[in-house]
C-alpha atoms as a PDB file:
ATOM      1  CA  MET A   1      76.394 -89.402-152.316  1.00  0.00           C
ATOM      2  CA  ALA A   2      77.792 -85.903-152.462  1.00  0.00           C
ATOM      3  CA  ALA A   3      74.358 -84.366-152.857  1.00  0.00           C
ATOM      4  CA  ARG A   4      72.986 -86.335-149.962  1.00  0.00           C
ATOM      5  CA  PHE A   5      75.958 -85.483-147.784  1.00  0.00           C
ATOM      6  CA  GLY A   6      75.540 -81.812-148.619  1.00  0.00           C
ATOM      7  CA  HIS A   7      71.881 -81.924-147.688  1.00  0.00           C
ATOM      8  CA  ARG A   8      72.663 -83.536-144.342  1.00  0.00           C
ATOM      9  CA  SER A   9      75.293 -80.909-143.654  1.00  0.00           C
ATOM     10  CA  TRP A  10      72.768 -78.131-144.344  1.00  0.00           C
ATOM     11  CA  VAL A  11      70.275 -79.723-141.957  1.00  0.00           C
ATOM     12  CA  CYS A  12      72.895 -79.879-139.226  1.00  0.00           C
ATOM     13  CA  ARG A  13      73.927 -76.281-139.769  1.00  0.00           C
ATOM     14  CA  ARG A  14      70.281 -75.187-139.642  1.00  0.00           C
ATOM     15  CA  HIS A  15      69.851 -76.876-136.264  1.00  0.00           C
ATOM     16  CA  ILE A  16      73.032 -75.332-134.997  1.00  0.00           C
ATOM     17  CA  VAL A  17      71.737 -71.871-135.938  1.00  0.00           C
ATOM     18  CA  LEU A  18      68.178 -72.350-134.606  1.00  0.00           C
ATOM     19  CA  TRP A  19      68.924 -73.841-131.206  1.00  0.00           C
ATOM     20  CA  PRO A  20      70.844 -70.796-129.912  1.00  0.00           C
ATOM     21  CA  LEU A  21      68.144 -68.543-131.347  1.00  0.00           C
ATOM     22  CA  ALA A  22      65.425 -70.524-129.547  1.00  0.00           C
ATOM     23  CA  SER A  23      67.310 -70.334-126.258  1.00  0.00           C
ATOM     24  CA  VAL A  24      67.248 -66.542-126.545  1.00  0.00           C
ATOM     25  CA  LEU A  25      63.594 -66.201-127.601  1.00  0.00           C
ATOM     26  CA  VAL A  26      61.887 -68.642-125.217  1.00  0.00           C
ATOM     27  CA  PRO A  27      62.298 -66.496-122.066  1.00  0.00           C
ATOM     28  CA  PHE A  28      60.852 -63.478-123.891  1.00  0.00           C
ATOM     29  CA  ILE A  29      57.911 -65.494-125.198  1.00  0.00           C
ATOM     30  CA  ALA A  30      57.197 -66.839-121.694  1.00  0.00           C
ATOM     31  CA  ALA A  31      57.383 -63.349-120.220  1.00  0.00           C
ATOM     32  CA  ALA A  32      54.985 -62.039-122.845  1.00  0.00           C
ATOM     33  CA  GLU A  33      52.509 -64.801-122.068  1.00  0.00           C
ATOM     34  CA  GLU A  34      52.706 -64.249-118.290  1.00  0.00           C
ATOM     35  CA  LYS A  35      49.776 -62.186-117.023  1.00  0.00           C
ATOM     36  CA  VAL A  36      50.490 -58.886-115.347  1.00  0.00           C
ATOM     37  CA  MET A  37      48.648 -58.914-112.001  1.00  0.00           C
ATOM     38  CA  ARG A  38      47.779 -55.511-110.574  1.00  0.00           C
ATOM     39  CA  VAL A  39      47.207 -55.254-106.816  1.00  0.00           C
ATOM     40  CA  LEU A  40      44.105 -53.592-105.369  1.00  0.00           C
ATOM     41  CA  GLY A  41      43.713 -53.198-101.607  1.00  0.00           C
ATOM     42  CA  PHE A  42      40.404 -53.282 -99.738  1.00  0.00           C
ATOM     43  CA  PHE A  43      40.679 -51.740 -96.259  1.00  0.00           C
ATOM     44  CA  HIS A  44      37.673 -52.758 -94.167  1.00  0.00           C
ATOM     45  CA  GLY A  45      38.930 -51.659 -90.755  1.00  0.00           C
ATOM     46  CA  GLY A  46      38.203 -54.759 -88.672  1.00  0.00           C
ATOM     47  CA  PRO A  47      36.280 -58.031 -88.306  1.00  0.00           C
ATOM     48  CA  ALA A  48      32.924 -56.318 -87.659  1.00  0.00           C
ATOM     49  CA  THR A  49      33.023 -54.452 -90.977  1.00  0.00           C
ATOM     50  CA  ALA A  50      34.278 -57.434 -92.962  1.00  0.00           C
ATOM     51  CA  THR A  51      30.829 -59.038 -92.662  1.00  0.00           C
ATOM     52  CA  SER A  52      29.317 -56.121 -94.573  1.00  0.00           C
ATOM     53  CA  PHE A  53      31.134 -57.142 -97.768  1.00  0.00           C
ATOM     54  CA  PRO A  54      30.632 -60.904 -98.164  1.00  0.00           C
ATOM     55  CA  ARG A  55      31.768 -62.665-101.313  1.00  0.00           C
ATOM     56  CA  GLY A  56      28.810 -63.068-103.653  1.00  0.00           C
ATOM     57  CA  ALA A  57      26.689 -60.305-102.099  1.00  0.00           C
ATOM     58  CA  ALA A  58      24.915 -57.974-104.507  1.00  0.00           C
ATOM     59  CA  PHE A  59      27.177 -55.016-103.747  1.00  0.00           C
ATOM     60  CA  ALA A  60      30.331 -57.164-103.920  1.00  0.00           C
ATOM     61  CA  LYS A  61      29.260 -58.210-107.394  1.00  0.00           C
ATOM     62  CA  ALA A  62      28.527 -54.577-108.235  1.00  0.00           C
ATOM     63  CA  PHE A  63      32.055 -53.615-107.129  1.00  0.00           C
ATOM     64  CA  GLU A  64      33.569 -56.298-109.342  1.00  0.00           C
ATOM     65  CA  ARG A  65      31.282 -55.254-112.205  1.00  0.00           C
ATOM     66  CA  GLY A  66      32.598 -51.700-111.949  1.00  0.00           C
ATOM     67  CA  LEU A  67      36.149 -53.013-112.127  1.00  0.00           C
ATOM     68  CA  SER A  68      35.305 -55.159-115.160  1.00  0.00           C
ATOM     69  CA  GLU A  69      33.882 -52.115-116.950  1.00  0.00           C
ATOM     70  CA  THR A  70      37.401 -50.682-116.904  1.00  0.00           C
ATOM     71  CA  GLY A  71      39.059 -53.949-117.932  1.00  0.00           C
ATOM     72  CA  TYR A  72      40.062 -55.466-114.584  1.00  0.00           C
ATOM     73  CA  VAL A  73      38.950 -58.899-113.380  1.00  0.00           C
ATOM     74  CA  ASP A  74      39.891 -60.378-110.022  1.00  0.00           C
ATOM     75  CA  GLY A  75      42.008 -63.494-110.540  1.00  0.00           C
ATOM     76  CA  GLU A  76      42.863 -62.682-114.153  1.00  0.00           C
ATOM     77  CA  ASN A  77      44.748 -59.396-114.299  1.00  0.00           C
ATOM     78  CA  LEU A  78      43.986 -58.198-110.783  1.00  0.00           C
ATOM     79  CA  ARG A  79      44.555 -59.424-107.231  1.00  0.00           C
ATOM     80  CA  ILE A  80      42.331 -57.967-104.506  1.00  0.00           C
ATOM     81  CA  GLU A  81      43.735 -58.034-100.987  1.00  0.00           C
ATOM     82  CA  TYR A  82      41.171 -57.668 -98.153  1.00  0.00           C
ATOM     83  CA  ARG A  83      42.869 -56.410 -94.991  1.00  0.00           C
ATOM     84  CA  ALA A  84      41.981 -54.980 -91.586  1.00  0.00           C
ATOM     85  CA  SER A  85      45.021 -52.691 -91.461  1.00  0.00           C
ATOM     86  CA  MET A  86      46.555 -50.154 -93.803  1.00  0.00           C
ATOM     87  CA  GLU A  87      50.039 -51.346 -92.853  1.00  0.00           C
ATOM     88  CA  ASP A  88      49.280 -54.785 -94.288  1.00  0.00           C
ATOM     89  CA  LEU A  89      48.030 -53.293 -97.546  1.00  0.00           C
ATOM     90  CA  ILE A  90      51.143 -51.158 -97.883  1.00  0.00           C
ATOM     91  CA  LYS A  91      53.256 -54.295 -97.363  1.00  0.00           C
ATOM     92  CA  ASP A  92      51.129 -55.993-100.040  1.00  0.00           C
ATOM     93  CA  GLN A  93      52.198 -53.143-102.369  1.00  0.00           C
ATOM     94  CA  ALA A  94      48.593 -52.236-103.151  1.00  0.00           C
ATOM     95  CA  GLU A  95      48.479 -49.742-106.024  1.00  0.00           C
ATOM     96  CA  VAL A  96      45.025 -48.414-105.099  1.00  0.00           C
ATOM     97  CA  ILE A  97      43.230 -48.836-101.772  1.00  0.00           C
ATOM     98  CA  ILE A  98      39.450 -48.924-101.263  1.00  0.00           C
ATOM     99  CA  VAL A  99      38.221 -47.553 -97.924  1.00  0.00           C
ATOM    100  CA  ALA A 100      34.662 -48.850 -97.654  1.00  0.00           C
ATOM    101  CA  ASN A 101      34.063 -47.787 -94.054  1.00  0.00           C
ATOM    102  CA  GLY A 102      34.033 -43.997 -93.839  1.00  0.00           C
ATOM    103  CA  GLY A 103      34.953 -44.132 -90.158  1.00  0.00           C
ATOM    104  CA  PHE A 104      38.438 -45.329 -91.103  1.00  0.00           C
ATOM    105  CA  ILE A 105      39.226 -42.839 -93.854  1.00  0.00           C
ATOM    106  CA  GLY A 106      41.233 -40.673 -91.453  1.00  0.00           C
ATOM    107  CA  GLN A 107      43.389 -43.661 -90.538  1.00  0.00           C
ATOM    108  CA  ALA A 108      43.924 -44.415 -94.216  1.00  0.00           C
ATOM    109  CA  ARG A 109      44.979 -40.842 -94.987  1.00  0.00           C
ATOM    110  CA  ARG A 110      47.464 -40.820 -92.121  1.00  0.00           C
ATOM    111  CA  ALA A 111      48.987 -44.057 -93.393  1.00  0.00           C
ATOM    112  CA  THR A 112      49.718 -42.810 -96.921  1.00  0.00           C
ATOM    113  CA  THR A 113      49.780 -39.619 -98.960  1.00  0.00           C
ATOM    114  CA  THR A 114      50.954 -41.320-102.153  1.00  0.00           C
ATOM    115  CA  ILE A 115      48.858 -44.468-102.684  1.00  0.00           C
ATOM    116  CA  PRO A 116      45.512 -43.472-104.282  1.00  0.00           C
ATOM    117  CA  LEU A 117      42.518 -43.924-101.963  1.00  0.00           C
ATOM    118  CA  VAL A 118      38.940 -44.472-103.152  1.00  0.00           C
ATOM    119  CA  PHE A 119      36.387 -44.040-100.369  1.00  0.00           C
ATOM    120  CA  LEU A 120      32.755 -44.864 -99.745  1.00  0.00           C
ATOM    121  CA  GLN A 121      31.886 -42.017 -97.388  1.00  0.00           C
ATOM    122  CA  PRO A 122      28.611 -41.668 -95.434  1.00  0.00           C
ATOM    123  CA  ALA A 123      29.010 -37.925 -94.823  1.00  0.00           C
ATOM    124  CA  ASP A 124      29.631 -34.822 -96.911  1.00  0.00           C
ATOM    125  CA  PRO A 125      33.376 -35.084 -97.698  1.00  0.00           C
ATOM    126  CA  VAL A 126      33.725 -31.355 -98.344  1.00  0.00           C
ATOM    127  CA  SER A 127      32.246 -30.142 -95.048  1.00  0.00           C
ATOM    128  CA  THR A 128      34.344 -32.703 -93.159  1.00  0.00           C
ATOM    129  CA  GLY A 129      37.524 -31.515 -94.903  1.00  0.00           C
ATOM    130  CA  LEU A 130      38.159 -34.828 -96.614  1.00  0.00           C
ATOM    131  CA  VAL A 131      38.385 -33.278-100.089  1.00  0.00           C
ATOM    132  CA  ALA A 132      38.795 -29.765-101.436  1.00  0.00           C
ATOM    133  CA  SER A 133      35.610 -29.903-103.521  1.00  0.00           C
ATOM    134  CA  PHE A 134      33.276 -32.411-105.149  1.00  0.00           C
ATOM    135  CA  ASN A 135      34.524 -31.627-108.663  1.00  0.00           C
ATOM    136  CA  HIS A 136      38.229 -31.402-107.813  1.00  0.00           C
ATOM    137  CA  PRO A 137      38.954 -33.473-104.698  1.00  0.00           C
ATOM    138  CA  GLY A 138      42.736 -32.961-104.907  1.00  0.00           C
ATOM    139  CA  GLY A 139      45.532 -35.003-103.375  1.00  0.00           C
ATOM    140  CA  ASN A 140      45.511 -38.797-103.489  1.00  0.00           C
ATOM    141  CA  ILE A 141      41.827 -39.280-102.700  1.00  0.00           C
ATOM    142  CA  THR A 142      38.414 -39.468-104.362  1.00  0.00           C
ATOM    143  CA  GLY A 143      35.363 -41.677-104.149  1.00  0.00           C
ATOM    144  CA  VAL A 144      31.614 -41.913-103.674  1.00  0.00           C
ATOM    145  CA  SER A 145      29.707 -39.957-101.037  1.00  0.00           C
ATOM    146  CA  ILE A 146      26.446 -41.606-100.029  1.00  0.00           C
ATOM    147  CA  LEU A 147      25.479 -38.606 -97.846  1.00  0.00           C
ATOM    148  CA  ALA A 148      23.862 -40.921 -95.295  1.00  0.00           C
ATOM    149  CA  VAL A 149      24.260 -38.426 -92.450  1.00  0.00           C
ATOM    150  CA  GLU A 150      22.526 -35.670 -94.416  1.00  0.00           C
ATOM    151  CA  LEU A 151      19.598 -38.019 -95.135  1.00  0.00           C
ATOM    152  CA  MET A 152      18.976 -38.968 -91.500  1.00  0.00           C
ATOM    153  CA  PRO A 153      16.547 -36.088 -90.783  1.00  0.00           C
ATOM    154  CA  LYS A 154      14.546 -37.053 -93.862  1.00  0.00           C
ATOM    155  CA  ARG A 155      14.439 -40.668 -92.700  1.00  0.00           C
ATOM    156  CA  LEU A 156      13.181 -39.515 -89.303  1.00  0.00           C
ATOM    157  CA  GLN A 157      10.440 -37.496 -90.972  1.00  0.00           C
ATOM    158  CA  LEU A 158       9.345 -40.534 -92.984  1.00  0.00           C
ATOM    159  CA  LEU A 159       9.274 -42.616 -89.817  1.00  0.00           C
ATOM    160  CA  ARG A 160       7.150 -39.947 -88.135  1.00  0.00           C
ATOM    161  CA  GLU A 161       4.651 -40.159 -90.979  1.00  0.00           C
ATOM    162  CA  LEU A 162       4.591 -43.924 -90.600  1.00  0.00           C
ATOM    163  CA  VAL A 163       3.897 -43.712 -86.855  1.00  0.00           C
ATOM    164  CA  PRO A 164       2.191 -40.315 -86.367  1.00  0.00           C
ATOM    165  CA  THR A 165       1.306 -41.002 -82.716  1.00  0.00           C
ATOM    166  CA  ALA A 166       4.888 -41.767 -81.671  1.00  0.00           C
ATOM    167  CA  LYS A 167       6.427 -39.587 -78.958  1.00  0.00           C
ATOM    168  CA  THR A 168       9.780 -41.351 -78.548  1.00  0.00           C
ATOM    169  CA  CYS A 169      12.066 -42.746 -81.221  1.00  0.00           C
ATOM    170  CA  ALA A 170      15.084 -44.982 -80.583  1.00  0.00           C
ATOM    171  CA  VAL A 171      18.224 -44.580 -82.685  1.00  0.00           C
ATOM    172  CA  LEU A 172      20.520 -47.599 -82.927  1.00  0.00           C
ATOM    173  CA  ILE A 173      24.253 -46.817 -83.112  1.00  0.00           C
ATOM    174  CA  ASN A 174      27.551 -48.675 -82.849  1.00  0.00           C
ATOM    175  CA  PRO A 175      29.511 -46.781 -80.166  1.00  0.00           C
ATOM    176  CA  ARG A 176      32.788 -48.140 -81.569  1.00  0.00           C
ATOM    177  CA  GLY A 177      32.507 -45.600 -84.379  1.00  0.00           C
ATOM    178  CA  PRO A 178      34.413 -42.359 -83.728  1.00  0.00           C
ATOM    179  CA  GLY A 179      32.015 -39.832 -82.153  1.00  0.00           C
ATOM    180  CA  ALA A 180      29.005 -41.990 -83.052  1.00  0.00           C
ATOM    181  CA  GLU A 181      26.569 -40.682 -80.427  1.00  0.00           C
ATOM    182  CA  ARG A 182      27.658 -37.062 -80.737  1.00  0.00           C
ATOM    183  CA  SER A 183      27.408 -36.993 -84.536  1.00  0.00           C
ATOM    184  CA  THR A 184      24.080 -38.842 -84.498  1.00  0.00           C
ATOM    185  CA  ARG A 185      22.517 -36.370 -82.084  1.00  0.00           C
ATOM    186  CA  ALA A 186      23.925 -33.459 -84.069  1.00  0.00           C
ATOM    187  CA  ALA A 187      22.358 -34.831 -87.253  1.00  0.00           C
ATOM    188  CA  LEU A 188      18.932 -35.643 -85.776  1.00  0.00           C
ATOM    189  CA  GLN A 189      18.181 -33.408 -82.797  1.00  0.00           C
ATOM    190  CA  GLY A 190      16.924 -30.416 -84.788  1.00  0.00           C
ATOM    191  CA  ALA A 191      14.600 -32.567 -86.889  1.00  0.00           C
ATOM    192  CA  ALA A 192      13.390 -34.445 -83.800  1.00  0.00           C
ATOM    193  CA  ASP A 193      12.560 -31.197 -81.997  1.00  0.00           C
ATOM    194  CA  GLY A 194      10.618 -29.964 -85.009  1.00  0.00           C
ATOM    195  CA  LEU A 195       8.650 -33.206 -85.173  1.00  0.00           C
ATOM    196  CA  GLY A 196       7.960 -33.295 -81.441  1.00  0.00           C
ATOM    197  CA  LEU A 197       9.941 -36.498 -80.957  1.00  0.00           C
ATOM    198  CA  ALA A 198      12.213 -37.421 -78.063  1.00  0.00           C
ATOM    199  CA  LEU A 199      15.340 -39.341 -79.093  1.00  0.00           C
ATOM    200  CA  GLU A 200      16.788 -42.281 -77.191  1.00  0.00           C
ATOM    201  CA  ILE A 201      20.238 -43.450 -78.314  1.00  0.00           C
ATOM    202  CA  VAL A 202      20.599 -47.227 -77.996  1.00  0.00           C
ATOM    203  CA  SER A 203      23.942 -48.979 -78.548  1.00  0.00           C
ATOM    204  CA  ALA A 204      25.160 -52.318 -79.911  1.00  0.00           C
ATOM    205  CA  ARG A 205      28.840 -53.116 -80.390  1.00  0.00           C
ATOM    206  CA  ALA A 206      28.323 -56.581 -81.886  1.00  0.00           C
ATOM    207  CA  GLU A 207      25.493 -58.683 -83.311  1.00  0.00           C
ATOM    208  CA  SER A 208      25.365 -60.553 -80.005  1.00  0.00           C
ATOM    209  CA  GLU A 209      24.179 -57.300 -78.377  1.00  0.00           C
ATOM    210  CA  PHE A 210      21.182 -56.729 -80.686  1.00  0.00           C
ATOM    211  CA  GLU A 211      18.772 -58.575 -78.380  1.00  0.00           C
ATOM    212  CA  ALA A 212      19.842 -56.453 -75.393  1.00  0.00           C
ATOM    213  CA  ALA A 213      19.377 -53.294 -77.474  1.00  0.00           C
ATOM    214  CA  PHE A 214      15.737 -54.215 -78.180  1.00  0.00           C
ATOM    215  CA  ALA A 215      15.208 -55.008 -74.505  1.00  0.00           C
ATOM    216  CA  ARG A 216      16.530 -51.552 -73.716  1.00  0.00           C
ATOM    217  CA  MET A 217      14.081 -50.009 -76.210  1.00  0.00           C
ATOM    218  CA  ALA A 218      11.202 -51.857 -74.552  1.00  0.00           C
ATOM    219  CA  ALA A 219      12.291 -50.553 -71.138  1.00  0.00           C
ATOM    220  CA  LEU A 220      12.433 -47.002 -72.519  1.00  0.00           C
ATOM    221  CA  LYS A 221       8.989 -47.481 -74.151  1.00  0.00           C
ATOM    222  CA  THR A 222      10.197 -46.240 -77.525  1.00  0.00           C
ATOM    223  CA  GLU A 223       7.617 -46.450 -80.305  1.00  0.00           C
ATOM    224  CA  ALA A 224       9.817 -46.443 -83.415  1.00  0.00           C
ATOM    225  CA  LEU A 225      13.407 -47.171 -84.406  1.00  0.00           C
ATOM    226  CA  LEU A 226      15.887 -45.582 -86.795  1.00  0.00           C
ATOM    227  CA  VAL A 227      18.914 -47.738 -87.651  1.00  0.00           C
ATOM    228  CA  THR A 228      22.132 -45.873 -88.511  1.00  0.00           C
ATOM    229  CA  THR A 229      24.505 -46.787 -91.325  1.00  0.00           C
ATOM    230  CA  ASP A 230      27.232 -48.607 -89.411  1.00  0.00           C
ATOM    231  CA  PRO A 231      28.513 -51.674 -91.336  1.00  0.00           C
ATOM    232  CA  LEU A 232      27.860 -53.825 -88.259  1.00  0.00           C
ATOM    233  CA  PHE A 233      24.118 -53.383 -88.832  1.00  0.00           C
ATOM    234  CA  MET A 234      24.436 -54.061 -92.536  1.00  0.00           C
ATOM    235  CA  GLY A 235      26.255 -57.307 -91.807  1.00  0.00           C
ATOM    236  CA  GLY A 236      23.660 -58.343 -89.210  1.00  0.00           C
ATOM    237  CA  ARG A 237      20.610 -57.041 -91.048  1.00  0.00           C
ATOM    238  CA  GLY A 238      18.818 -60.382 -90.954  1.00  0.00           C
ATOM    239  CA  SER A 239      18.976 -60.446 -87.156  1.00  0.00           C
ATOM    240  CA  LEU A 240      17.906 -56.811 -86.846  1.00  0.00           C
ATOM    241  CA  VAL A 241      14.922 -57.198 -89.145  1.00  0.00           C
ATOM    242  CA  GLY A 242      13.822 -60.346 -87.308  1.00  0.00           C
ATOM    243  CA  LEU A 243      14.033 -58.642 -83.904  1.00  0.00           C
ATOM    244  CA  ALA A 244      12.136 -55.572 -85.144  1.00  0.00           C
ATOM    245  CA  ALA A 245       9.321 -57.818 -86.415  1.00  0.00           C
ATOM    246  CA  ARG A 246       9.244 -59.880 -83.216  1.00  0.00           C
ATOM    247  CA  HIS A 247       9.071 -56.785 -81.014  1.00  0.00           C
ATOM    248  CA  ALA A 248       6.619 -55.046 -83.426  1.00  0.00           C
ATOM    249  CA  VAL A 249       8.830 -51.943 -83.675  1.00  0.00           C
ATOM    250  CA  PRO A 250       8.261 -49.854 -86.843  1.00  0.00           C
ATOM    251  CA  THR A 251      11.823 -49.412 -88.115  1.00  0.00           C
ATOM    252  CA  SER A 252      13.506 -47.251 -90.736  1.00  0.00           C
ATOM    253  CA  TYR A 253      16.659 -48.629 -92.357  1.00  0.00           C
ATOM    254  CA  PRO A 254      19.329 -46.869 -94.428  1.00  0.00           C
ATOM    255  CA  TRP A 255      19.593 -49.324 -97.349  1.00  0.00           C
ATOM    256  CA  ARG A 256      17.252 -51.333 -99.536  1.00  0.00           C
ATOM    257  CA  GLU A 257      19.075 -54.539 -98.582  1.00  0.00           C
ATOM    258  CA  PHE A 258      17.261 -54.422 -95.214  1.00  0.00           C
ATOM    259  CA  VAL A 259      13.884 -54.363 -96.957  1.00  0.00           C
ATOM    260  CA  ASP A 260      15.005 -57.220 -99.205  1.00  0.00           C
ATOM    261  CA  VAL A 261      15.250 -59.443 -96.107  1.00  0.00           C
ATOM    262  CA  GLY A 262      11.897 -58.346 -94.692  1.00  0.00           C
ATOM    263  CA  GLY A 263      12.466 -54.855 -93.276  1.00  0.00           C
ATOM    264  CA  LEU A 264       9.677 -52.280 -93.172  1.00  0.00           C
ATOM    265  CA  ILE A 265      11.101 -49.243 -94.951  1.00  0.00           C
ATOM    266  CA  SER A 266      14.409 -47.840 -96.171  1.00  0.00           C
ATOM    267  CA  TYR A 267      15.402 -44.480 -97.562  1.00  0.00           C
ATOM    268  CA  GLY A 268      18.869 -43.799 -98.883  1.00  0.00           C
ATOM    269  CA  PRO A 269      21.274 -44.151-101.787  1.00  0.00           C
ATOM    270  CA  SER A 270      21.676 -47.385-103.660  1.00  0.00           C
ATOM    271  CA  LEU A 271      24.602 -49.271-102.127  1.00  0.00           C
ATOM    272  CA  THR A 272      24.766 -51.489-105.192  1.00  0.00           C
ATOM    273  CA  GLU A 273      25.294 -48.486-107.451  1.00  0.00           C
ATOM    274  CA  ALA A 274      27.717 -46.914-104.970  1.00  0.00           C
ATOM    275  CA  TYR A 275      29.943 -49.999-104.977  1.00  0.00           C
ATOM    276  CA  ARG A 276      29.821 -50.179-108.773  1.00  0.00           C
ATOM    277  CA  GLN A 277      31.042 -46.571-108.948  1.00  0.00           C
ATOM    278  CA  VAL A 278      33.820 -47.341-106.465  1.00  0.00           C
ATOM    279  CA  GLY A 279      34.902 -50.227-108.700  1.00  0.00           C
ATOM    280  CA  VAL A 280      34.882 -47.999-111.786  1.00  0.00           C
ATOM    281  CA  TYR A 281      37.027 -45.373-110.054  1.00  0.00           C
ATOM    282  CA  ALA A 282      39.515 -47.982-108.827  1.00  0.00           C
ATOM    283  CA  GLY A 283      39.832 -49.309-112.367  1.00  0.00           C
ATOM    284  CA  LYS A 284      40.305 -45.839-113.838  1.00  0.00           C
ATOM    285  CA  ILE A 285      43.103 -45.079-111.390  1.00  0.00           C
ATOM    286  CA  LEU A 286      44.783 -48.415-112.112  1.00  0.00           C
ATOM    287  CA  GLY A 287      44.550 -47.393-115.764  1.00  0.00           C
ATOM    288  CA  GLY A 288      46.498 -44.209-115.128  1.00  0.00           C
ATOM    289  CA  GLU A 289      43.969 -41.528-114.172  1.00  0.00           C
ATOM    290  CA  SER A 290      44.649 -39.310-111.163  1.00  0.00           C
ATOM    291  CA  PRO A 291      42.267 -39.423-108.158  1.00  0.00           C
ATOM    292  CA  ALA A 292      42.623 -35.656-107.852  1.00  0.00           C
ATOM    293  CA  ASP A 293      40.846 -35.272-111.212  1.00  0.00           C
ATOM    294  CA  LEU A 294      37.979 -37.722-110.573  1.00  0.00           C
ATOM    295  CA  PRO A 295      34.947 -35.912-109.081  1.00  0.00           C
ATOM    296  CA  VAL A 296      33.347 -37.237-105.910  1.00  0.00           C
ATOM    297  CA  ARG A 297      29.946 -38.581-106.959  1.00  0.00           C
ATOM    298  CA  PRO A 298      26.758 -39.323-104.986  1.00  0.00           C
ATOM    299  CA  PRO A 299      24.661 -42.300-106.140  1.00  0.00           C
ATOM    300  CA  ALA A 300      20.920 -41.999-106.673  1.00  0.00           C
ATOM    301  CA  THR A 301      18.674 -41.981-103.594  1.00  0.00           C
ATOM    302  CA  THR A 302      15.853 -44.512-103.434  1.00  0.00           C
ATOM    303  CA  ILE A 303      12.967 -45.452-101.150  1.00  0.00           C
ATOM    304  CA  ALA A 304      11.890 -49.045-100.570  1.00  0.00           C
ATOM    305  CA  VAL A 305       8.854 -50.223 -98.629  1.00  0.00           C
ATOM    306  CA  GLY A 306       8.288 -53.774 -97.391  1.00  0.00           C
ATOM    307  CA  TYR A 307       4.580 -53.992 -98.098  1.00  0.00           C
ATOM    308  CA  SER A 308       4.077 -57.322 -96.326  1.00  0.00           C
ATOM    309  CA  ALA A 309       5.590 -55.927 -93.129  1.00  0.00           C
ATOM    310  CA  PHE A 310       3.898 -52.575 -93.699  1.00  0.00           C
ATOM    311  CA  GLY A 311       0.474 -54.133 -93.383  1.00  0.00           C
ATOM    312  CA  GLN A 312       1.289 -55.435 -89.907  1.00  0.00           C
ATOM    313  CA  HIS A 313       1.054 -51.927 -88.462  1.00  0.00           C
ATOM    314  CA  SER A 314      -2.424 -50.515 -87.899  1.00  0.00           C
ATOM    315  CA  SER A 315      -1.354 -46.967 -88.745  1.00  0.00           C
ATOM    316  CA  ALA A 316       0.136 -47.932 -92.099  1.00  0.00           C
ATOM    317  CA  PRO A 317      -2.916 -47.871 -94.415  1.00  0.00           C
ATOM    318  CA  ALA A 318      -3.883 -44.346 -93.370  1.00  0.00           C
ATOM    319  CA  VAL A 319      -0.455 -42.846 -94.028  1.00  0.00           C
ATOM    320  CA  LEU A 320       0.779 -44.856 -97.014  1.00  0.00           C
ATOM    321  CA  ASP A 321      -0.267 -42.327 -99.666  1.00  0.00           C
ATOM    322  CA  ASN A 322       1.126 -39.402 -97.675  1.00  0.00           C
ATOM    323  CA  LEU A 323       4.324 -41.304 -96.948  1.00  0.00           C
ATOM    324  CA  LEU A 324       5.038 -41.995-100.599  1.00  0.00           C
ATOM    325  CA  HIS A 325       4.102 -38.423-101.538  1.00  0.00           C
ATOM    326  CA  ILE A 326       6.612 -37.017 -99.040  1.00  0.00           C
ATOM    327  CA  ALA A 327       9.272 -39.470-100.227  1.00  0.00           C
ATOM    328  CA  ARG A 328       8.825 -38.302-103.821  1.00  0.00           C
ATOM    329  CA  GLN A 329       9.085 -34.672-102.747  1.00  0.00           C
ATOM    330  CA  GLN A 330      12.277 -35.356-100.806  1.00  0.00           C
ATOM    331  CA  LEU A 331      13.786 -37.211-103.726  1.00  0.00           C
ATOM    332  CA  ASP A 332      13.008 -34.299-106.045  1.00  0.00           C
ATOM    333  CA  ASP A 333      14.613 -31.873-103.590  1.00  0.00           C
ATOM    334  CA  PHE A 334      17.713 -34.005-103.062  1.00  0.00           C
ATOM    335  CA  ILE A 335      18.592 -35.296-106.506  1.00  0.00           C
END
């Protein structure tokens, strides 16, 4: 009996010792198992630009792929907040903020000088004073420059080769963008004069105004169309491509995604690659790197031709070889 009693006493003492120990360890174990969620902000600037970054789109997936390359996955160790205002993202305590619409980068910079910003910028960020240099941007900002403005004269030249008899070319802009008409004319007027083309600026503030814009082009008797890089047009690319086909207007687009839905021709950087690079940079900064030390990078420039639509234009067969030859030369000069 004594041995059995002693054994039972030892069991009781063991429980008495372990229960307090467990009460101390359990909170630490739970904390260790809890996932640390980092917060990434995505500043899109308004409802019109939100449509340019739909969930599941190729460039949205590319953005998330870039993040995953640095170890961050939305919903696992990362929470992405999509907002139309910088103030909301600051309240969300975003640790890094993506500015995907270059027209709003100034607003983002005014809102914070401490939260790292990663931009997708359509113009040269050095000449516009956005960064100190491509290799050493400085401050709290870096990103990817798609140099869309600098490529506009080259796109106009390609369009001229496509429609060599054209005298007037329409340029579609969103006048909501800061200085949209002024900057567009500044980028294109010299090239247009050299090509003997008159420019007609046509505006659309929303997708519902696309039809009126094409009616305006018909009234002006324009013979070709160059679509600018505003996110409104990217979001409504299906409508634009359909209207261009219906009105038989040879049209040059800035991104391959327009050609993927039936557009005639595009010339510009790869948006898919640009968004992947933005994701990589966001992940690197979340991992501790400084935006000031991450060089601003341009993605590769590509040309895409919608051959099925191309054949609908009588001038196309005669200029196809020359068109592709010029595109290759421009790519060699640019890259």
